[in-house]
Every structure is written in C-alpha cells, then in structure tokens.
Amino acid sequence: MNYYQLFELAESPLVNKRIIQSKYFEIQKKTHPDFYINASEFEQEEAMRVSSEANKAFDIFMDELKTIGYFLRQKGYLEDDEKYQLPSAFLMEMMEINERIDDGEIENVRQEINRIETQLKQGVLNILEKDSILLEETEYQQIKAYYYQKKYLERILVRLVD
C-alpha cells in the first residue's frame, strides 16, 4: 500500500504534519471496529488492515528522516542495507566529532551537530519541498546524500544520550 495514496498526499520528501494528523484521525474514524460490527468478515479484515497501515504510515510521516527514506524507497532510489558512500569531507568532520565525544566535549558536540544539520538541510530545503513530479535525477541524489548524512548525525546524537 502506498502511504501517500492512503493519506491522499502528493509524493514529496517532506509532508505537513498537521495534515498528516488530520488525515490519520479521519482514516481511523472510518476504519474503527465499532463501525464494522455488523459487516462481513472481509469488510472487518479490510478495515483492520487499512487501520494498521495508517498506523505505520503515521509513524513514518511524523518523522522527517523516516519520511525521506520512505519517499526514496518509493521512487527506487534507496534500497535496504545499501552501502552508501558518504562524502570524505563529511566523514572527516564526523571523525573529529567522534574524537571530541571521546574527550568528553558532549555539549559542544551537540551544538556542532545542530549546526551541521541546519547547514545540510538549508542546502536541500528547496528540493525537499518539491513535489516528486518536479524532481530531476540530480535532485534525487542530493536528497539521498542528505538522508544518509542526517542518518549518520542522528546515530551520533543517540550515542550522546547513552
């Protein structure tokens, strides 16, 4: 099931979370088991399936990184367990950040990661806001690079919490 279709959205790497919440509650109201007490077994199962898929879609769409990953998978630009090669300059910067974490500079690292994330997003924001119909091959590749870099940064943030 295509989650963009389920939520009646244009396929885009970013979604409006207010619209997602509204659509989610609309779907859940339509598929609530109380409305299917007298329905056939097939209709009950279909309502349950749609409700379950809406839950999965909601989880994805409420998280920017998951949404971008889902978008890229839908478009055939992302594969599970893909070995993506991050830019060497980015990896060098991450190596320095990891060394600073090892040295106990946690608060400075958080600020640095926030700065890097903001800078990365500003570089692709105009692309992320486009409908997929308007995207060119190079823009898909830029979104993919952003996705993997942001994913790397989030792993570092998780490490900071541990």
N, C-alpha and C. Protein backbone atom coordinates (compact mmCIF):
# COMPACT_ATOMS: atom_id res chain seq x y z
N MET A 1 0.84 -1.18 0.00
CA MET A 1 0.00 0.00 0.00
C MET A 1 0.89 1.25 0.00
N ASN A 2 0.58 2.15 -0.87
CA ASN A 2 1.31 3.41 -0.95
C ASN A 2 0.74 4.37 0.10
N TYR A 3 1.58 4.77 1.05
CA TYR A 3 1.12 5.61 2.15
C TYR A 3 0.73 7.02 1.69
N TYR A 4 1.35 7.49 0.64
CA TYR A 4 0.96 8.80 0.10
C TYR A 4 -0.48 8.74 -0.41
N GLN A 5 -0.80 7.65 -1.10
CA GLN A 5 -2.16 7.49 -1.61
C GLN A 5 -3.15 7.31 -0.46
N LEU A 6 -2.77 6.52 0.54
CA LEU A 6 -3.63 6.30 1.69
C LEU A 6 -4.01 7.62 2.37
N PHE A 7 -3.03 8.51 2.47
CA PHE A 7 -3.26 9.81 3.12
C PHE A 7 -3.64 10.91 2.13
N GLU A 8 -3.83 10.52 0.87
CA GLU A 8 -4.22 11.46 -0.20
C GLU A 8 -3.26 12.64 -0.29
N LEU A 9 -1.96 12.32 -0.38
CA LEU A 9 -0.91 13.33 -0.45
C LEU A 9 -0.15 13.23 -1.76
N ALA A 10 0.37 14.35 -2.20
CA ALA A 10 1.33 14.33 -3.31
C ALA A 10 2.62 13.72 -2.79
N GLU A 11 3.29 12.95 -3.62
CA GLU A 11 4.55 12.33 -3.19
C GLU A 11 5.64 13.39 -3.11
N SER A 12 6.13 13.56 -1.90
CA SER A 12 7.14 14.58 -1.63
C SER A 12 7.98 14.11 -0.44
N PRO A 13 9.26 14.52 -0.40
CA PRO A 13 10.12 14.09 0.71
C PRO A 13 9.74 14.71 2.06
N LEU A 14 9.01 15.81 2.05
CA LEU A 14 8.53 16.43 3.29
C LEU A 14 7.01 16.48 3.25
N VAL A 15 6.41 16.29 4.40
CA VAL A 15 4.95 16.35 4.49
C VAL A 15 4.56 17.30 5.62
N ASN A 16 3.37 17.84 5.51
CA ASN A 16 2.84 18.73 6.53
C ASN A 16 2.27 17.87 7.66
N LYS A 17 2.85 17.97 8.84
CA LYS A 17 2.46 17.09 9.94
C LYS A 17 1.04 17.36 10.42
N ARG A 18 0.56 18.59 10.30
CA ARG A 18 -0.83 18.87 10.69
C ARG A 18 -1.80 18.13 9.77
N ILE A 19 -1.48 18.14 8.48
CA ILE A 19 -2.32 17.42 7.52
C ILE A 19 -2.25 15.92 7.82
N ILE A 20 -1.08 15.43 8.14
CA ILE A 20 -0.92 14.01 8.46
C ILE A 20 -1.79 13.63 9.65
N GLN A 21 -1.74 14.44 10.69
CA GLN A 21 -2.55 14.15 11.88
C GLN A 21 -4.04 14.15 11.53
N SER A 22 -4.47 15.13 10.78
CA SER A 22 -5.86 15.24 10.40
C SER A 22 -6.30 14.03 9.57
N LYS A 23 -5.50 13.67 8.56
CA LYS A 23 -5.82 12.52 7.71
C LYS A 23 -5.81 11.22 8.51
N TYR A 24 -4.87 11.11 9.42
CA TYR A 24 -4.76 9.91 10.25
C TYR A 24 -6.05 9.70 11.06
N PHE A 25 -6.50 10.75 11.73
CA PHE A 25 -7.71 10.63 12.53
C PHE A 25 -8.94 10.37 11.66
N GLU A 26 -8.95 10.94 10.48
CA GLU A 26 -10.05 10.70 9.53
C GLU A 26 -10.09 9.22 9.13
N ILE A 27 -8.92 8.66 8.82
CA ILE A 27 -8.84 7.24 8.45
C ILE A 27 -9.24 6.35 9.62
N GLN A 28 -8.74 6.68 10.81
CA GLN A 28 -9.05 5.86 11.98
C GLN A 28 -10.54 5.90 12.31
N LYS A 29 -11.17 7.04 12.10
CA LYS A 29 -12.62 7.12 12.33
C LYS A 29 -13.37 6.22 11.36
N LYS A 30 -12.93 6.21 10.11
CA LYS A 30 -13.59 5.40 9.09
C LYS A 30 -13.37 3.90 9.29
N THR A 31 -12.26 3.52 9.88
CA THR A 31 -11.92 2.11 9.99
C THR A 31 -12.07 1.56 11.41
N HIS A 32 -12.65 2.34 12.31
CA HIS A 32 -12.80 1.89 13.70
C HIS A 32 -13.68 0.64 13.73
N PRO A 33 -13.29 -0.37 14.51
CA PRO A 33 -14.03 -1.64 14.58
C PRO A 33 -15.51 -1.48 14.95
N ASP A 34 -15.84 -0.45 15.73
CA ASP A 34 -17.24 -0.25 16.12
C ASP A 34 -18.15 -0.05 14.91
N PHE A 35 -17.61 0.47 13.83
CA PHE A 35 -18.42 0.71 12.64
C PHE A 35 -18.60 -0.55 11.79
N TYR A 36 -17.90 -1.61 12.16
CA TYR A 36 -17.91 -2.83 11.34
C TYR A 36 -18.44 -4.05 12.09
N ILE A 37 -19.17 -3.81 13.17
CA ILE A 37 -19.70 -4.92 13.98
C ILE A 37 -20.61 -5.82 13.15
N ASN A 38 -21.46 -5.22 12.34
CA ASN A 38 -22.41 -5.99 11.53
C ASN A 38 -21.92 -6.24 10.10
N ALA A 39 -20.68 -5.86 9.82
CA ALA A 39 -20.14 -6.03 8.47
C ALA A 39 -19.66 -7.46 8.28
N SER A 40 -19.38 -7.77 7.02
CA SER A 40 -18.86 -9.11 6.71
C SER A 40 -17.45 -9.26 7.27
N GLU A 41 -17.02 -10.49 7.36
CA GLU A 41 -15.67 -10.76 7.86
C GLU A 41 -14.63 -10.08 6.97
N PHE A 42 -14.86 -10.11 5.67
CA PHE A 42 -13.95 -9.47 4.73
C PHE A 42 -13.85 -7.96 5.01
N GLU A 43 -15.00 -7.32 5.20
CA GLU A 43 -15.01 -5.87 5.45
C GLU A 43 -14.33 -5.54 6.78
N GLN A 44 -14.53 -6.38 7.77
CA GLN A 44 -13.87 -6.17 9.07
C GLN A 44 -12.36 -6.29 8.93
N GLU A 45 -11.93 -7.31 8.19
CA GLU A 45 -10.48 -7.52 7.99
C GLU A 45 -9.88 -6.38 7.17
N GLU A 46 -10.61 -5.92 6.17
CA GLU A 46 -10.11 -4.81 5.34
C GLU A 46 -9.99 -3.54 6.17
N ALA A 47 -10.97 -3.26 7.00
CA ALA A 47 -10.91 -2.08 7.86
C ALA A 47 -9.72 -2.18 8.81
N MET A 48 -9.50 -3.37 9.37
CA MET A 48 -8.37 -3.59 10.28
C MET A 48 -7.05 -3.41 9.54
N ARG A 49 -6.99 -3.91 8.31
CA ARG A 49 -5.75 -3.78 7.51
C ARG A 49 -5.46 -2.31 7.23
N VAL A 50 -6.47 -1.56 6.80
CA VAL A 50 -6.27 -0.15 6.49
C VAL A 50 -5.87 0.61 7.76
N SER A 51 -6.50 0.30 8.86
CA SER A 51 -6.16 0.95 10.13
C SER A 51 -4.70 0.67 10.52
N SER A 52 -4.30 -0.58 10.35
CA SER A 52 -2.91 -0.96 10.65
C SER A 52 -1.92 -0.23 9.74
N GLU A 53 -2.25 -0.17 8.46
CA GLU A 53 -1.38 0.54 7.51
C GLU A 53 -1.33 2.04 7.83
N ALA A 54 -2.45 2.60 8.26
CA ALA A 54 -2.49 4.01 8.64
C ALA A 54 -1.57 4.26 9.84
N ASN A 55 -1.54 3.31 10.78
CA ASN A 55 -0.64 3.44 11.93
C ASN A 55 0.82 3.46 11.48
N LYS A 56 1.16 2.57 10.57
CA LYS A 56 2.54 2.51 10.06
C LYS A 56 2.89 3.79 9.30
N ALA A 57 1.96 4.24 8.47
CA ALA A 57 2.19 5.47 7.70
C ALA A 57 2.35 6.66 8.62
N PHE A 58 1.52 6.74 9.63
CA PHE A 58 1.58 7.85 10.58
C PHE A 58 2.95 7.89 11.25
N ASP A 59 3.44 6.72 11.67
CA ASP A 59 4.76 6.64 12.30
C ASP A 59 5.84 7.15 11.36
N ILE A 60 5.75 6.81 10.10
CA ILE A 60 6.73 7.26 9.12
C ILE A 60 6.61 8.76 8.87
N PHE A 61 5.41 9.22 8.60
CA PHE A 61 5.21 10.63 8.23
C PHE A 61 5.45 11.61 9.37
N MET A 62 5.39 11.15 10.60
CA MET A 62 5.64 12.06 11.72
C MET A 62 7.14 12.20 12.02
N ASP A 63 7.96 11.47 11.32
CA ASP A 63 9.41 11.53 11.49
C ASP A 63 10.04 11.92 10.14
N GLU A 64 10.71 13.05 10.12
CA GLU A 64 11.25 13.56 8.86
C GLU A 64 12.20 12.59 8.17
N LEU A 65 13.10 12.00 8.93
CA LEU A 65 14.07 11.09 8.33
C LEU A 65 13.39 9.84 7.76
N LYS A 66 12.42 9.30 8.50
CA LYS A 66 11.68 8.14 8.00
C LYS A 66 10.89 8.49 6.74
N THR A 67 10.33 9.70 6.72
CA THR A 67 9.56 10.14 5.55
C THR A 67 10.46 10.23 4.33
N ILE A 68 11.63 10.81 4.48
CA ILE A 68 12.56 10.94 3.36
C ILE A 68 12.99 9.55 2.89
N GLY A 69 13.29 8.66 3.84
CA GLY A 69 13.66 7.30 3.48
C GLY A 69 12.54 6.58 2.74
N TYR A 70 11.32 6.73 3.22
CA TYR A 70 10.17 6.11 2.56
C TYR A 70 10.00 6.67 1.15
N PHE A 71 10.11 7.98 1.03
CA PHE A 71 9.99 8.64 -0.27
C PHE A 71 11.03 8.08 -1.25
N LEU A 72 12.28 8.00 -0.82
CA LEU A 72 13.34 7.50 -1.68
C LEU A 72 13.12 6.03 -2.07
N ARG A 73 12.63 5.23 -1.13
CA ARG A 73 12.32 3.82 -1.44
C ARG A 73 11.21 3.74 -2.48
N GLN A 74 10.17 4.54 -2.31
CA GLN A 74 9.04 4.54 -3.24
C GLN A 74 9.51 4.89 -4.66
N LYS A 75 10.49 5.76 -4.75
CA LYS A 75 10.98 6.21 -6.05
C LYS A 75 12.11 5.35 -6.59
N GLY A 76 12.53 4.34 -5.82
CA GLY A 76 13.57 3.43 -6.28
C GLY A 76 14.99 3.95 -6.10
N TYR A 77 15.17 4.92 -5.22
CA TYR A 77 16.50 5.49 -5.00
C TYR A 77 17.16 5.02 -3.72
N LEU A 78 16.49 4.17 -2.98
CA LEU A 78 17.04 3.69 -1.72
C LEU A 78 16.69 2.22 -1.57
N GLU A 79 17.69 1.45 -1.20
CA GLU A 79 17.50 0.02 -1.00
C GLU A 79 17.85 -0.33 0.44
N ASP A 80 17.19 -1.35 0.97
CA ASP A 80 17.52 -1.81 2.31
C ASP A 80 18.96 -2.32 2.33
N ASP A 81 19.66 -2.02 3.41
CA ASP A 81 21.06 -2.45 3.61
C ASP A 81 22.00 -1.95 2.51
N GLU A 82 21.68 -0.83 1.92
CA GLU A 82 22.53 -0.25 0.88
C GLU A 82 23.83 0.27 1.50
N LYS A 83 24.91 0.10 0.82
CA LYS A 83 26.22 0.60 1.27
C LYS A 83 26.49 1.92 0.56
N TYR A 84 26.00 2.98 1.15
CA TYR A 84 26.13 4.30 0.53
C TYR A 84 27.45 4.93 0.95
N GLN A 85 28.16 5.50 0.00
CA GLN A 85 29.45 6.12 0.28
C GLN A 85 29.24 7.61 0.58
N LEU A 86 29.42 7.95 1.85
CA LEU A 86 29.31 9.35 2.25
C LEU A 86 30.52 10.14 1.76
N PRO A 87 30.35 11.44 1.54
CA PRO A 87 31.48 12.27 1.10
C PRO A 87 32.62 12.23 2.12
N SER A 88 33.85 12.18 1.62
CA SER A 88 35.01 12.06 2.51
C SER A 88 35.14 13.26 3.44
N ALA A 89 34.80 14.45 2.98
CA ALA A 89 34.87 15.64 3.85
C ALA A 89 33.90 15.50 5.02
N PHE A 90 32.72 14.98 4.76
CA PHE A 90 31.74 14.76 5.82
C PHE A 90 32.27 13.73 6.81
N LEU A 91 32.84 12.64 6.30
CA LEU A 91 33.37 11.59 7.17
C LEU A 91 34.53 12.10 8.03
N MET A 92 35.36 12.95 7.48
CA MET A 92 36.46 13.53 8.26
C MET A 92 35.91 14.40 9.39
N GLU A 93 34.89 15.18 9.08
CA GLU A 93 34.26 16.02 10.09
C GLU A 93 33.64 15.16 11.19
N MET A 94 33.03 14.03 10.80
CA MET A 94 32.42 13.13 11.78
C MET A 94 33.48 12.45 12.64
N MET A 95 34.63 12.16 12.05
CA MET A 95 35.72 11.57 12.81
C MET A 95 36.19 12.54 13.90
N GLU A 96 36.29 13.82 13.56
CA GLU A 96 36.68 14.83 14.54
C GLU A 96 35.64 14.95 15.65
N ILE A 97 34.37 14.90 15.27
CA ILE A 97 33.29 14.97 16.27
C ILE A 97 33.34 13.77 17.20
N ASN A 98 33.55 12.58 16.64
CA ASN A 98 33.64 11.38 17.47
C ASN A 98 34.83 11.45 18.44
N GLU A 99 35.92 12.03 18.01
CA GLU A 99 37.08 12.21 18.90
C GLU A 99 36.73 13.17 20.02
N ARG A 100 35.99 14.22 19.71
CA ARG A 100 35.58 15.19 20.73
C ARG A 100 34.62 14.53 21.74
N ILE A 101 33.79 13.63 21.26
CA ILE A 101 32.90 12.90 22.18
C ILE A 101 33.74 12.05 23.12
N ASP A 102 34.72 11.37 22.56
CA ASP A 102 35.61 10.54 23.38
C ASP A 102 36.35 11.37 24.42
N ASP A 103 36.59 12.65 24.11
CA ASP A 103 37.26 13.56 25.04
C ASP A 103 36.29 14.22 26.03
N GLY A 104 35.01 13.89 25.91
CA GLY A 104 34.03 14.40 26.86
C GLY A 104 33.41 15.74 26.52
N GLU A 105 33.57 16.22 25.31
CA GLU A 105 33.03 17.52 24.91
C GLU A 105 31.58 17.39 24.40
N ILE A 106 30.74 16.81 25.20
CA ILE A 106 29.38 16.46 24.78
C ILE A 106 28.56 17.69 24.37
N GLU A 107 28.50 18.71 25.21
CA GLU A 107 27.64 19.87 24.92
C GLU A 107 28.09 20.58 23.65
N ASN A 108 29.40 20.77 23.47
CA ASN A 108 29.90 21.41 22.26
C ASN A 108 29.57 20.58 21.02
N VAL A 109 29.60 19.27 21.17
CA VAL A 109 29.30 18.37 20.04
C VAL A 109 27.83 18.51 19.64
N ARG A 110 26.94 18.58 20.62
CA ARG A 110 25.51 18.76 20.31
C ARG A 110 25.29 20.03 19.48
N GLN A 111 25.93 21.10 19.90
CA GLN A 111 25.80 22.36 19.17
C GLN A 111 26.36 22.24 17.76
N GLU A 112 27.47 21.57 17.63
CA GLU A 112 28.09 21.37 16.32
C GLU A 112 27.20 20.52 15.41
N ILE A 113 26.62 19.48 15.96
CA ILE A 113 25.74 18.63 15.16
C ILE A 113 24.51 19.42 14.71
N ASN A 114 23.94 20.21 15.61
CA ASN A 114 22.80 21.05 15.23
C ASN A 114 23.17 22.02 14.12
N ARG A 115 24.36 22.58 14.19
CA ARG A 115 24.83 23.49 13.15
C ARG A 115 24.97 22.77 11.82
N ILE A 116 25.56 21.58 11.85
CA ILE A 116 25.76 20.80 10.63
C ILE A 116 24.42 20.39 10.03
N GLU A 117 23.49 19.94 10.88
CA GLU A 117 22.17 19.55 10.39
C GLU A 117 21.46 20.72 9.72
N THR A 118 21.52 21.87 10.35
CA THR A 118 20.89 23.06 9.79
C THR A 118 21.51 23.41 8.45
N GLN A 119 22.81 23.36 8.38
CA GLN A 119 23.53 23.67 7.14
C GLN A 119 23.17 22.67 6.03
N LEU A 120 23.14 21.39 6.36
CA LEU A 120 22.79 20.36 5.38
C LEU A 120 21.37 20.56 4.85
N LYS A 121 20.45 20.83 5.77
CA LYS A 121 19.06 20.99 5.37
C LYS A 121 18.86 22.23 4.51
N GLN A 122 19.53 23.31 4.86
CA GLN A 122 19.41 24.54 4.06
C GLN A 122 19.87 24.29 2.64
N GLY A 123 20.85 23.40 2.48
CA GLY A 123 21.37 23.09 1.15
C GLY A 123 20.40 22.34 0.26
N VAL A 124 19.41 21.66 0.86
CA VAL A 124 18.47 20.87 0.07
C VAL A 124 17.00 21.23 0.32
N LEU A 125 16.74 22.22 1.15
CA LEU A 125 15.38 22.54 1.53
C LEU A 125 14.47 22.81 0.33
N ASN A 126 14.97 23.58 -0.63
CA ASN A 126 14.14 23.87 -1.79
C ASN A 126 13.80 22.60 -2.58
N ILE A 127 14.68 21.61 -2.54
CA ILE A 127 14.43 20.33 -3.22
C ILE A 127 13.44 19.49 -2.41
N LEU A 128 13.63 19.46 -1.09
CA LEU A 128 12.76 18.67 -0.22
C LEU A 128 11.31 19.11 -0.29
N GLU A 129 11.10 20.36 -0.57
CA GLU A 129 9.74 20.91 -0.58
C GLU A 129 9.03 20.71 -1.92
N LYS A 130 9.73 20.17 -2.90
CA LYS A 130 9.14 19.97 -4.23
C LYS A 130 8.28 18.70 -4.27
N ASP A 131 7.31 18.72 -5.15
CA ASP A 131 6.54 17.53 -5.49
C ASP A 131 7.46 16.64 -6.33
N SER A 132 7.35 15.34 -6.19
CA SER A 132 8.25 14.43 -6.90
C SER A 132 8.18 14.58 -8.42
N ILE A 133 7.05 15.04 -8.93
CA ILE A 133 6.90 15.22 -10.38
C ILE A 133 7.93 16.22 -10.91
N LEU A 134 8.32 17.16 -10.07
CA LEU A 134 9.23 18.23 -10.49
C LEU A 134 10.70 17.91 -10.27
N LEU A 135 11.00 16.80 -9.61
CA LEU A 135 12.39 16.49 -9.27
C LEU A 135 13.17 15.90 -10.44
N GLU A 136 14.42 16.30 -10.52
CA GLU A 136 15.33 15.75 -11.53
C GLU A 136 16.25 14.73 -10.87
N GLU A 137 16.93 13.94 -11.68
CA GLU A 137 17.81 12.88 -11.19
C GLU A 137 18.83 13.41 -10.18
N THR A 138 19.46 14.51 -10.49
CA THR A 138 20.48 15.05 -9.58
C THR A 138 19.87 15.46 -8.25
N GLU A 139 18.62 15.89 -8.26
CA GLU A 139 17.97 16.30 -7.01
C GLU A 139 17.64 15.08 -6.15
N TYR A 140 17.25 13.99 -6.77
CA TYR A 140 17.05 12.75 -6.01
C TYR A 140 18.36 12.34 -5.33
N GLN A 141 19.45 12.48 -6.06
CA GLN A 141 20.76 12.12 -5.49
C GLN A 141 21.14 13.05 -4.33
N GLN A 142 20.77 14.31 -4.43
CA GLN A 142 21.04 15.25 -3.34
C GLN A 142 20.20 14.90 -2.11
N ILE A 143 18.96 14.51 -2.33
CA ILE A 143 18.10 14.09 -1.21
C ILE A 143 18.69 12.85 -0.56
N LYS A 144 19.16 11.93 -1.36
CA LYS A 144 19.74 10.69 -0.85
C LYS A 144 20.99 10.99 -0.01
N ALA A 145 21.83 11.87 -0.50
CA ALA A 145 23.03 12.25 0.26
C ALA A 145 22.63 12.89 1.58
N TYR A 146 21.65 13.77 1.54
CA TYR A 146 21.15 14.41 2.77
C TYR A 146 20.62 13.35 3.73
N TYR A 147 19.85 12.42 3.23
CA TYR A 147 19.28 11.36 4.06
C TYR A 147 20.37 10.59 4.81
N TYR A 148 21.38 10.16 4.10
CA TYR A 148 22.43 9.38 4.75
C TYR A 148 23.28 10.21 5.71
N GLN A 149 23.51 11.46 5.40
CA GLN A 149 24.26 12.32 6.32
C GLN A 149 23.44 12.59 7.58
N LYS A 150 22.17 12.87 7.42
CA LYS A 150 21.30 13.12 8.57
C LYS A 150 21.18 11.86 9.42
N LYS A 151 21.09 10.73 8.78
CA LYS A 151 21.02 9.45 9.49
C LYS A 151 22.28 9.24 10.33
N TYR A 152 23.42 9.57 9.78
CA TYR A 152 24.69 9.45 10.50
C TYR A 152 24.70 10.37 11.71
N LEU A 153 24.26 11.61 11.52
CA LEU A 153 24.22 12.57 12.62
C LEU A 153 23.28 12.11 13.73
N GLU A 154 22.16 11.53 13.36
CA GLU A 154 21.21 11.04 14.37
C GLU A 154 21.81 9.90 15.18
N ARG A 155 22.61 9.06 14.54
CA ARG A 155 23.28 7.98 15.29
C ARG A 155 24.25 8.55 16.32
N ILE A 156 24.92 9.64 15.96
CA ILE A 156 25.83 10.28 16.91
C ILE A 156 25.01 10.85 18.08
N LEU A 157 23.89 11.48 17.80
CA LEU A 157 23.05 12.04 18.86
C LEU A 157 22.57 10.94 19.80
N VAL A 158 22.21 9.79 19.26
CA VAL A 158 21.79 8.66 20.09
C VAL A 158 22.95 8.22 20.98
N ARG A 159 24.12 8.23 20.44
CA ARG A 159 25.32 7.87 21.20
C ARG A 159 25.53 8.83 22.37
N LEU A 160 25.21 10.11 22.16
CA LEU A 160 25.37 11.11 23.22
C LEU A 160 24.41 10.87 24.37
N VAL A 161 23.23 10.35 24.07
CA VAL A 161 22.24 10.07 25.10
C VAL A 161 22.65 8.88 25.95
N ASP A 162 23.26 7.89 25.29
CA ASP A 162 23.71 6.69 26.02
C ASP A 162 24.77 7.08 26.98
